[in-house]
């Protein structure tokens, strides 16, 4: 799923040490959602936030959320990782 378009920052909350930031894409492309809720750690949202840093972080999070682009977890899945709890 390609990540493109304009994402309007609409609101946010903080829960459990995570910023839950709400973006709306009014033209997301066929079959894609228009509402996106993305979680960031407090460190990822600096006090001097600007459009470029937020865009980079948003693209990373959407890639992980929508396209499963986090390589370590993809490798674990491909290797059939099993977790055993006592």
PDB file of N, CA and C in Angstrom:
ATOM      1  N   UNK A   1       0.849  -1.164   0.000  1.00  0.00           N
ATOM      2  CA  UNK A   1       0.000   0.000   0.000  1.00  0.00           C
ATOM      3  C   UNK A   1       0.898   1.232   0.000  1.00  0.00           C
ATOM      4  N   UNK A   2       0.860   2.033  -1.066  1.00  0.00           N
ATOM      5  CA  UNK A   2       1.693   3.230  -1.085  1.00  0.00           C
ATOM      6  C   UNK A   2       1.198   4.266  -0.080  1.00  0.00           C
ATOM      7  N   UNK A   3       2.138   4.994   0.473  1.00  0.00           N
ATOM      8  CA  UNK A   3       1.821   6.040   1.436  1.00  0.00           C
ATOM      9  C   UNK A   3       2.035   7.374   0.745  1.00  0.00           C
ATOM     10  N   UNK A   4       0.948   8.086   0.503  1.00  0.00           N
ATOM     11  CA  UNK A   4       1.056   9.361  -0.183  1.00  0.00           C
ATOM     12  C   UNK A   4      -0.107  10.258   0.211  1.00  0.00           C
ATOM     13  N   UNK A   5      -0.055  11.506  -0.215  1.00  0.00           N
ATOM     14  CA  UNK A   5      -1.154  12.436   0.013  1.00  0.00           C
ATOM     15  C   UNK A   5      -0.877  13.394   1.149  1.00  0.00           C
ATOM     16  N   UNK A   6      -1.864  14.221   1.411  1.00  0.00           N
ATOM     17  CA  UNK A   6      -1.765  15.204   2.477  1.00  0.00           C
ATOM     18  C   UNK A   6      -2.461  14.683   3.716  1.00  0.00           C
ATOM     19  N   UNK A   7      -1.734  14.667   4.810  1.00  0.00           N
ATOM     20  CA  UNK A   7      -2.253  14.200   6.085  1.00  0.00           C
ATOM     21  C   UNK A   7      -2.410  15.412   6.998  1.00  0.00           C
ATOM     22  N   UNK A   8      -3.646  15.732   7.344  1.00  0.00           N
ATOM     23  CA  UNK A   8      -3.931  16.892   8.171  1.00  0.00           C
ATOM     24  C   UNK A   8      -3.904  16.465   9.636  1.00  0.00           C
ATOM     25  N   UNK A   9      -3.078  17.125  10.427  1.00  0.00           N
ATOM     26  CA  UNK A   9      -3.012  16.872  11.856  1.00  0.00           C
ATOM     27  C   UNK A   9      -4.265  17.452  12.486  1.00  0.00           C
ATOM     28  N   UNK A  10      -5.096  16.596  13.111  1.00  0.00           N
ATOM     29  CA  UNK A  10      -6.379  17.079  13.612  1.00  0.00           C
ATOM     30  C   UNK A  10      -6.472  17.146  15.129  1.00  0.00           C
ATOM     31  N   UNK A  11      -5.919  16.171  15.837  1.00  0.00           N
ATOM     32  CA  UNK A  11      -5.932  16.208  17.289  1.00  0.00           C
ATOM     33  C   UNK A  11      -4.990  15.147  17.834  1.00  0.00           C
ATOM     34  N   UNK A  12      -4.868  15.114  19.151  1.00  0.00           N
ATOM     35  CA  UNK A  12      -3.972  14.148  19.791  1.00  0.00           C
ATOM     36  C   UNK A  12      -4.385  13.947  21.238  1.00  0.00           C
ATOM     37  N   UNK A  13      -3.946  12.820  21.788  1.00  0.00           N
ATOM     38  CA  UNK A  13      -4.067  12.555  23.219  1.00  0.00           C
ATOM     39  C   UNK A  13      -2.764  11.901  23.643  1.00  0.00           C
ATOM     40  N   UNK A  14      -2.555  11.805  24.933  1.00  0.00           N
ATOM     41  CA  UNK A  14      -1.397  11.067  25.432  1.00  0.00           C
ATOM     42  C   UNK A  14      -1.923  10.045  26.434  1.00  0.00           C
ATOM     43  N   UNK A  15      -1.552   8.794  26.207  1.00  0.00           N
ATOM     44  CA  UNK A  15      -1.982   7.694  27.066  1.00  0.00           C
ATOM     45  C   UNK A  15      -0.821   6.740  27.253  1.00  0.00           C
ATOM     46  N   UNK A  16      -0.559   6.376  28.487  1.00  0.00           N
ATOM     47  CA  UNK A  16       0.497   5.413  28.774  1.00  0.00           C
ATOM     48  C   UNK A  16       1.854   5.811  28.245  1.00  0.00           C
ATOM     49  N   UNK A  17       2.136   7.105  28.223  1.00  0.00           N
ATOM     50  CA  UNK A  17       3.435   7.568  27.737  1.00  0.00           C
ATOM     51  C   UNK A  17       3.557   7.642  26.234  1.00  0.00           C
ATOM     52  N   UNK A  18       2.458   7.434  25.522  1.00  0.00           N
ATOM     53  CA  UNK A  18       2.475   7.508  24.060  1.00  0.00           C
ATOM     54  C   UNK A  18       1.550   8.623  23.580  1.00  0.00           C
ATOM     55  N   UNK A  19       2.044   9.404  22.632  1.00  0.00           N
ATOM     56  CA  UNK A  19       1.191  10.364  21.950  1.00  0.00           C
ATOM     57  C   UNK A  19       0.362   9.584  20.938  1.00  0.00           C
ATOM     58  N   UNK A  20      -0.937   9.755  20.952  1.00  0.00           N
ATOM     59  CA  UNK A  20      -1.822   9.163  19.937  1.00  0.00           C
ATOM     60  C   UNK A  20      -2.291  10.322  19.071  1.00  0.00           C
ATOM     61  N   UNK A  21      -1.711  10.412  17.893  1.00  0.00           N
ATOM     62  CA  UNK A  21      -1.920  11.567  17.028  1.00  0.00           C
ATOM     63  C   UNK A  21      -2.844  11.163  15.884  1.00  0.00           C
ATOM     64  N   UNK A  22      -3.835  12.007  15.638  1.00  0.00           N
ATOM     65  CA  UNK A  22      -4.864  11.734  14.639  1.00  0.00           C
ATOM     66  C   UNK A  22      -4.610  12.583  13.396  1.00  0.00           C
ATOM     67  N   UNK A  23      -4.517  11.909  12.258  1.00  0.00           N
ATOM     68  CA  UNK A  23      -4.357  12.566  10.966  1.00  0.00           C
ATOM     69  C   UNK A  23      -5.533  12.178  10.079  1.00  0.00           C
ATOM     70  N   UNK A  24      -5.927  13.080   9.203  1.00  0.00           N
ATOM     71  CA  UNK A  24      -6.951  12.775   8.202  1.00  0.00           C
ATOM     72  C   UNK A  24      -6.353  13.026   6.826  1.00  0.00           C
ATOM     73  N   UNK A  25      -6.570  12.077   5.925  1.00  0.00           N
ATOM     74  CA  UNK A  25      -6.186  12.213   4.529  1.00  0.00           C
ATOM     75  C   UNK A  25      -7.496  12.267   3.743  1.00  0.00           C
ATOM     76  N   UNK A  26      -7.816  13.428   3.185  1.00  0.00           N
ATOM     77  CA  UNK A  26      -9.091  13.605   2.501  1.00  0.00           C
ATOM     78  C   UNK A  26      -9.145  12.929   1.135  1.00  0.00           C
ATOM     79  N   UNK A  27      -8.008  12.509   0.602  1.00  0.00           N
ATOM     80  CA  UNK A  27      -7.967  11.825  -0.688  1.00  0.00           C
ATOM     81  C   UNK A  27      -6.961  10.679  -0.607  1.00  0.00           C
ATOM     82  N   UNK A  28      -7.292   9.615   0.145  1.00  0.00           N
ATOM     83  CA  UNK A  28      -6.298   8.569   0.420  1.00  0.00           C
ATOM     84  C   UNK A  28      -6.058   7.585  -0.721  1.00  0.00           C
ATOM     85  N   UNK A  29      -6.853   7.630  -1.769  1.00  0.00           N
ATOM     86  CA  UNK A  29      -6.714   6.642  -2.839  1.00  0.00           C
ATOM     87  C   UNK A  29      -7.639   5.466  -2.599  1.00  0.00           C
ATOM     88  N   UNK A  30      -7.956   4.768  -3.652  1.00  0.00           N
ATOM     89  CA  UNK A  30      -8.930   3.687  -3.617  1.00  0.00           C
ATOM     90  C   UNK A  30      -8.732   2.665  -2.515  1.00  0.00           C
ATOM     91  N   UNK A  31      -9.753   2.506  -1.679  1.00  0.00           N
ATOM     92  CA  UNK A  31      -9.751   1.484  -0.653  1.00  0.00           C
ATOM     93  C   UNK A  31      -8.943   1.789   0.588  1.00  0.00           C
ATOM     94  N   UNK A  32      -8.228   2.908   0.613  1.00  0.00           N
ATOM     95  CA  UNK A  32      -7.424   3.254   1.781  1.00  0.00           C
ATOM     96  C   UNK A  32      -8.269   4.043   2.774  1.00  0.00           C
ATOM     97  N   UNK A  33      -7.983   3.914   4.065  1.00  0.00           N
ATOM     98  CA  UNK A  33      -8.738   4.679   5.056  1.00  0.00           C
ATOM     99  C   UNK A  33      -8.399   6.163   4.981  1.00  0.00           C
ATOM    100  N   UNK A  34      -9.298   6.988   5.491  1.00  0.00           N
ATOM    101  CA  UNK A  34      -9.021   8.423   5.521  1.00  0.00           C
ATOM    102  C   UNK A  34      -8.566   8.876   6.910  1.00  0.00           C
ATOM    103  N   UNK A  35      -8.913   8.122   7.941  1.00  0.00           N
ATOM    104  CA  UNK A  35      -8.493   8.443   9.306  1.00  0.00           C
ATOM    105  C   UNK A  35      -7.316   7.572   9.704  1.00  0.00           C
ATOM    106  N   UNK A  36      -6.281   8.211  10.229  1.00  0.00           N
ATOM    107  CA  UNK A  36      -5.095   7.498  10.679  1.00  0.00           C
ATOM    108  C   UNK A  36      -4.791   7.914  12.107  1.00  0.00           C
ATOM    109  N   UNK A  37      -4.672   6.950  12.986  1.00  0.00           N
ATOM    110  CA  UNK A  37      -4.264   7.188  14.362  1.00  0.00           C
ATOM    111  C   UNK A  37      -2.898   6.555  14.529  1.00  0.00           C
ATOM    112  N   UNK A  38      -1.911   7.356  14.839  1.00  0.00           N
ATOM    113  CA  UNK A  38      -0.542   6.887  14.903  1.00  0.00           C
ATOM    114  C   UNK A  38      -0.001   7.177  16.300  1.00  0.00           C
ATOM    115  N   UNK A  39       0.700   6.207  16.866  1.00  0.00           N
ATOM    116  CA  UNK A  39       1.280   6.369  18.197  1.00  0.00           C
ATOM    117  C   UNK A  39       2.766   6.676  18.088  1.00  0.00           C
ATOM    118  N   UNK A  40       3.202   7.637  18.870  1.00  0.00           N
ATOM    119  CA  UNK A  40       4.596   8.025  18.926  1.00  0.00           C
ATOM    120  C   UNK A  40       5.029   8.059  20.381  1.00  0.00           C
ATOM    121  N   UNK A  41       6.274   7.733  20.655  1.00  0.00           N
ATOM    122  CA  UNK A  41       6.786   7.919  22.009  1.00  0.00           C
ATOM    123  C   UNK A  41       7.001   9.413  22.230  1.00  0.00           C
ATOM    124  N   UNK A  42       7.093   9.804  23.469  1.00  0.00           N
ATOM    125  CA  UNK A  42       7.296  11.207  23.798  1.00  0.00           C
ATOM    126  C   UNK A  42       8.569  11.733  23.133  1.00  0.00           C
ATOM    127  N   UNK A  43       9.614  10.927  23.086  1.00  0.00           N
ATOM    128  CA  UNK A  43      10.883  11.347  22.473  1.00  0.00           C
ATOM    129  C   UNK A  43      10.765  11.625  20.982  1.00  0.00           C
ATOM    130  N   UNK A  44       9.798  10.998  20.319  1.00  0.00           N
ATOM    131  CA  UNK A  44       9.652  11.182  18.878  1.00  0.00           C
ATOM    132  C   UNK A  44       8.901  12.458  18.508  1.00  0.00           C
ATOM    133  N   UNK A  45       8.331  13.133  19.485  1.00  0.00           N
ATOM    134  CA  UNK A  45       7.614  14.380  19.228  1.00  0.00           C
ATOM    135  C   UNK A  45       8.309  15.486  20.027  1.00  0.00           C
ATOM    136  N   UNK A  46       9.374  16.049  19.473  1.00  0.00           N
ATOM    137  CA  UNK A  46      10.135  17.058  20.204  1.00  0.00           C
ATOM    138  C   UNK A  46       9.354  18.364  20.354  1.00  0.00           C
ATOM    139  N   UNK A  47       9.761  19.162  21.309  1.00  0.00           N
ATOM    140  CA  UNK A  47       9.097  20.447  21.547  1.00  0.00           C
ATOM    141  C   UNK A  47       9.230  21.380  20.343  1.00  0.00           C
ATOM    142  N   UNK A  48      10.288  21.230  19.579  1.00  0.00           N
ATOM    143  CA  UNK A  48      10.501  22.087  18.406  1.00  0.00           C
ATOM    144  C   UNK A  48      10.065  21.379  17.118  1.00  0.00           C
ATOM    145  N   UNK A  49       8.976  20.651  17.181  1.00  0.00           N
ATOM    146  CA  UNK A  49       8.517  19.857  16.035  1.00  0.00           C
ATOM    147  C   UNK A  49       8.259  20.749  14.828  1.00  0.00           C
ATOM    148  N   UNK A  50       8.575  20.212  13.664  1.00  0.00           N
ATOM    149  CA  UNK A  50       8.275  20.925  12.424  1.00  0.00           C
ATOM    150  C   UNK A  50       7.702  19.935  11.424  1.00  0.00           C
ATOM    151  N   UNK A  51       7.290  20.450  10.301  1.00  0.00           N
ATOM    152  CA  UNK A  51       6.621  19.619   9.302  1.00  0.00           C
ATOM    153  C   UNK A  51       7.518  18.477   8.822  1.00  0.00           C
ATOM    154  N   UNK A  52       8.791  18.735   8.609  1.00  0.00           N
ATOM    155  CA  UNK A  52       9.690  17.699   8.090  1.00  0.00           C
ATOM    156  C   UNK A  52       9.894  16.562   9.083  1.00  0.00           C
ATOM    157  N   UNK A  53      10.134  16.888  10.359  1.00  0.00           N
ATOM    158  CA  UNK A  53      10.363  15.822  11.330  1.00  0.00           C
ATOM    159  C   UNK A  53       9.094  15.013  11.576  1.00  0.00           C
ATOM    160  N   UNK A  54       7.949  15.689  11.617  1.00  0.00           N
ATOM    161  CA  UNK A  54       6.703  14.960  11.807  1.00  0.00           C
ATOM    162  C   UNK A  54       6.377  14.110  10.579  1.00  0.00           C
ATOM    163  N   UNK A  55       6.653  14.612   9.387  1.00  0.00           N
ATOM    164  CA  UNK A  55       6.408  13.843   8.162  1.00  0.00           C
ATOM    165  C   UNK A  55       7.262  12.581   8.125  1.00  0.00           C
ATOM    166  N   UNK A  56       8.532  12.700   8.500  1.00  0.00           N
ATOM    167  CA  UNK A  56       9.415  11.535   8.515  1.00  0.00           C
ATOM    168  C   UNK A  56       8.926  10.489   9.511  1.00  0.00           C
ATOM    169  N   UNK A  57       8.544  10.942  10.694  1.00  0.00           N
ATOM    170  CA  UNK A  57       8.059  10.023  11.714  1.00  0.00           C
ATOM    171  C   UNK A  57       6.745   9.393  11.299  1.00  0.00           C
ATOM    172  N   UNK A  58       5.843  10.182  10.713  1.00  0.00           N
ATOM    173  CA  UNK A  58       4.557   9.659  10.244  1.00  0.00           C
ATOM    174  C   UNK A  58       4.776   8.598   9.163  1.00  0.00           C
ATOM    175  N   UNK A  59       5.648   8.869   8.217  1.00  0.00           N
ATOM    176  CA  UNK A  59       5.902   7.910   7.138  1.00  0.00           C
ATOM    177  C   UNK A  59       6.449   6.601   7.696  1.00  0.00           C
ATOM    178  N   UNK A  60       7.348   6.692   8.665  1.00  0.00           N
ATOM    179  CA  UNK A  60       7.899   5.491   9.291  1.00  0.00           C
ATOM    180  C   UNK A  60       6.799   4.697   9.971  1.00  0.00           C
ATOM    181  N   UNK A  61       5.977   5.376  10.778  1.00  0.00           N
ATOM    182  CA  UNK A  61       4.914   4.678  11.517  1.00  0.00           C
ATOM    183  C   UNK A  61       3.863   4.092  10.586  1.00  0.00           C
ATOM    184  N   UNK A  62       3.466   4.833   9.547  1.00  0.00           N
ATOM    185  CA  UNK A  62       2.474   4.292   8.612  1.00  0.00           C
ATOM    186  C   UNK A  62       3.049   3.110   7.846  1.00  0.00           C
ATOM    187  N   UNK A  63       4.339   3.189   7.509  1.00  0.00           N
ATOM    188  CA  UNK A  63       4.971   2.059   6.850  1.00  0.00           C
ATOM    189  C   UNK A  63       4.930   0.823   7.720  1.00  0.00           C
ATOM    190  N   UNK A  64       5.199   1.003   9.010  1.00  0.00           N
ATOM    191  CA  UNK A  64       5.174  -0.127   9.932  1.00  0.00           C
ATOM    192  C   UNK A  64       3.750  -0.623  10.149  1.00  0.00           C
ATOM    193  N   UNK A  65       2.805   0.292  10.274  1.00  0.00           N
ATOM    194  CA  UNK A  65       1.427  -0.069  10.580  1.00  0.00           C
ATOM    195  C   UNK A  65       0.715  -0.670   9.368  1.00  0.00           C
ATOM    196  N   UNK A  66       0.882  -0.061   8.197  1.00  0.00           N
ATOM    197  CA  UNK A  66       0.123  -0.472   7.026  1.00  0.00           C
ATOM    198  C   UNK A  66       0.866  -1.458   6.138  1.00  0.00           C
ATOM    199  N   UNK A  67       2.166  -1.316   6.040  1.00  0.00           N
ATOM    200  CA  UNK A  67       2.935  -2.145   5.106  1.00  0.00           C
ATOM    201  C   UNK A  67       3.843  -3.147   5.792  1.00  0.00           C
ATOM    202  N   UNK A  68       3.804  -3.193   7.086  1.00  0.00           N
ATOM    203  CA  UNK A  68       4.644  -4.100   7.857  1.00  0.00           C
ATOM    204  C   UNK A  68       6.096  -4.030   7.389  1.00  0.00           C
ATOM    205  N   UNK A  69       6.689  -2.837   7.529  1.00  0.00           N
ATOM    206  CA  UNK A  69       8.048  -2.613   7.038  1.00  0.00           C
ATOM    207  C   UNK A  69       9.119  -2.720   8.118  1.00  0.00           C
ATOM    208  N   UNK A  70       8.776  -3.214   9.294  1.00  0.00           N
ATOM    209  CA  UNK A  70       9.779  -3.328  10.360  1.00  0.00           C
ATOM    210  C   UNK A  70      10.542  -4.636  10.164  1.00  0.00           C
ATOM    211  N   UNK A  71      11.749  -4.530   9.639  1.00  0.00           N
ATOM    212  CA  UNK A  71      12.533  -5.702   9.226  1.00  0.00           C
ATOM    213  C   UNK A  71      12.743  -6.747  10.326  1.00  0.00           C
ATOM    214  N   UNK A  72      13.091  -6.381  11.569  1.00  0.00           N
ATOM    215  CA  UNK A  72      13.317  -7.418  12.580  1.00  0.00           C
ATOM    216  C   UNK A  72      12.092  -8.300  12.828  1.00  0.00           C
ATOM    217  N   UNK A  73      10.902  -7.701  12.871  1.00  0.00           N
ATOM    218  CA  UNK A  73       9.704  -8.528  13.069  1.00  0.00           C
ATOM    219  C   UNK A  73       9.389  -9.355  11.828  1.00  0.00           C
ATOM    220  N   UNK A  74       9.624  -8.805  10.637  1.00  0.00           N
ATOM    221  CA  UNK A  74       9.398  -9.577   9.415  1.00  0.00           C
ATOM    222  C   UNK A  74      10.325 -10.786   9.371  1.00  0.00           C
ATOM    223  N   UNK A  75      11.574 -10.610   9.801  1.00  0.00           N
ATOM    224  CA  UNK A  75      12.523 -11.719   9.845  1.00  0.00           C
ATOM    225  C   UNK A  75      12.064 -12.770  10.854  1.00  0.00           C
ATOM    226  N   UNK A  76      11.598 -12.312  12.023  1.00  0.00           N
ATOM    227  CA  UNK A  76      11.114 -13.253  13.039  1.00  0.00           C
ATOM    228  C   UNK A  76       9.926 -14.059  12.515  1.00  0.00           C
ATOM    229  N   UNK A  77       9.022 -13.408  11.807  1.00  0.00           N
ATOM    230  CA  UNK A  77       7.862 -14.106  11.226  1.00  0.00           C
ATOM    231  C   UNK A  77       8.332 -15.112  10.178  1.00  0.00           C
ATOM    232  N   UNK A  78       9.224 -14.671   9.280  1.00  0.00           N
ATOM    233  CA  UNK A  78       9.712 -15.546   8.218  1.00  0.00           C
ATOM    234  C   UNK A  78      10.430 -16.776   8.784  1.00  0.00           C
ATOM    235  N   UNK A  79      11.098 -16.601   9.935  1.00  0.00           N
ATOM    236  CA  UNK A  79      11.804 -17.719  10.564  1.00  0.00           C
ATOM    237  C   UNK A  79      10.914 -18.563  11.462  1.00  0.00           C
ATOM    238  N   UNK A  80       9.638 -18.197  11.547  1.00  0.00           N
ATOM    239  CA  UNK A  80       8.713 -18.980  12.365  1.00  0.00           C
ATOM    240  C   UNK A  80       8.981 -18.887  13.855  1.00  0.00           C
ATOM    241  N   UNK A  81       9.396 -17.708  14.312  1.00  0.00           N
ATOM    242  CA  UNK A  81       9.731 -17.538  15.722  1.00  0.00           C
ATOM    243  C   UNK A  81       8.567 -17.937  16.604  1.00  0.00           C
ATOM    244  N   UNK A  82       8.871 -18.720  17.629  1.00  0.00           N
ATOM    245  CA  UNK A  82       7.901 -19.159  18.627  1.00  0.00           C
ATOM    246  C   UNK A  82       8.331 -18.645  19.990  1.00  0.00           C
ATOM    247  N   UNK A  83       7.408 -18.122  20.738  1.00  0.00           N
ATOM    248  CA  UNK A  83       7.699 -17.615  22.081  1.00  0.00           C
ATOM    249  C   UNK A  83       7.084 -18.593  23.084  1.00  0.00           C
ATOM    250  N   UNK A  84       7.886 -19.087  23.991  1.00  0.00           N
ATOM    251  CA  UNK A  84       7.405 -19.998  25.033  1.00  0.00           C
ATOM    252  C   UNK A  84       7.482 -19.284  26.373  1.00  0.00           C
ATOM    253  N   UNK A  85       6.360 -19.208  27.040  1.00  0.00           N
ATOM    254  CA  UNK A  85       6.318 -18.584  28.353  1.00  0.00           C
ATOM    255  C   UNK A  85       6.157 -19.675  29.406  1.00  0.00           C
ATOM    256  N   UNK A  86       6.874 -19.564  30.514  1.00  0.00           N
ATOM    257  CA  UNK A  86       6.804 -20.615  31.535  1.00  0.00           C
ATOM    258  C   UNK A  86       5.414 -20.652  32.175  1.00  0.00           C
TER     259      UNK A  86
END
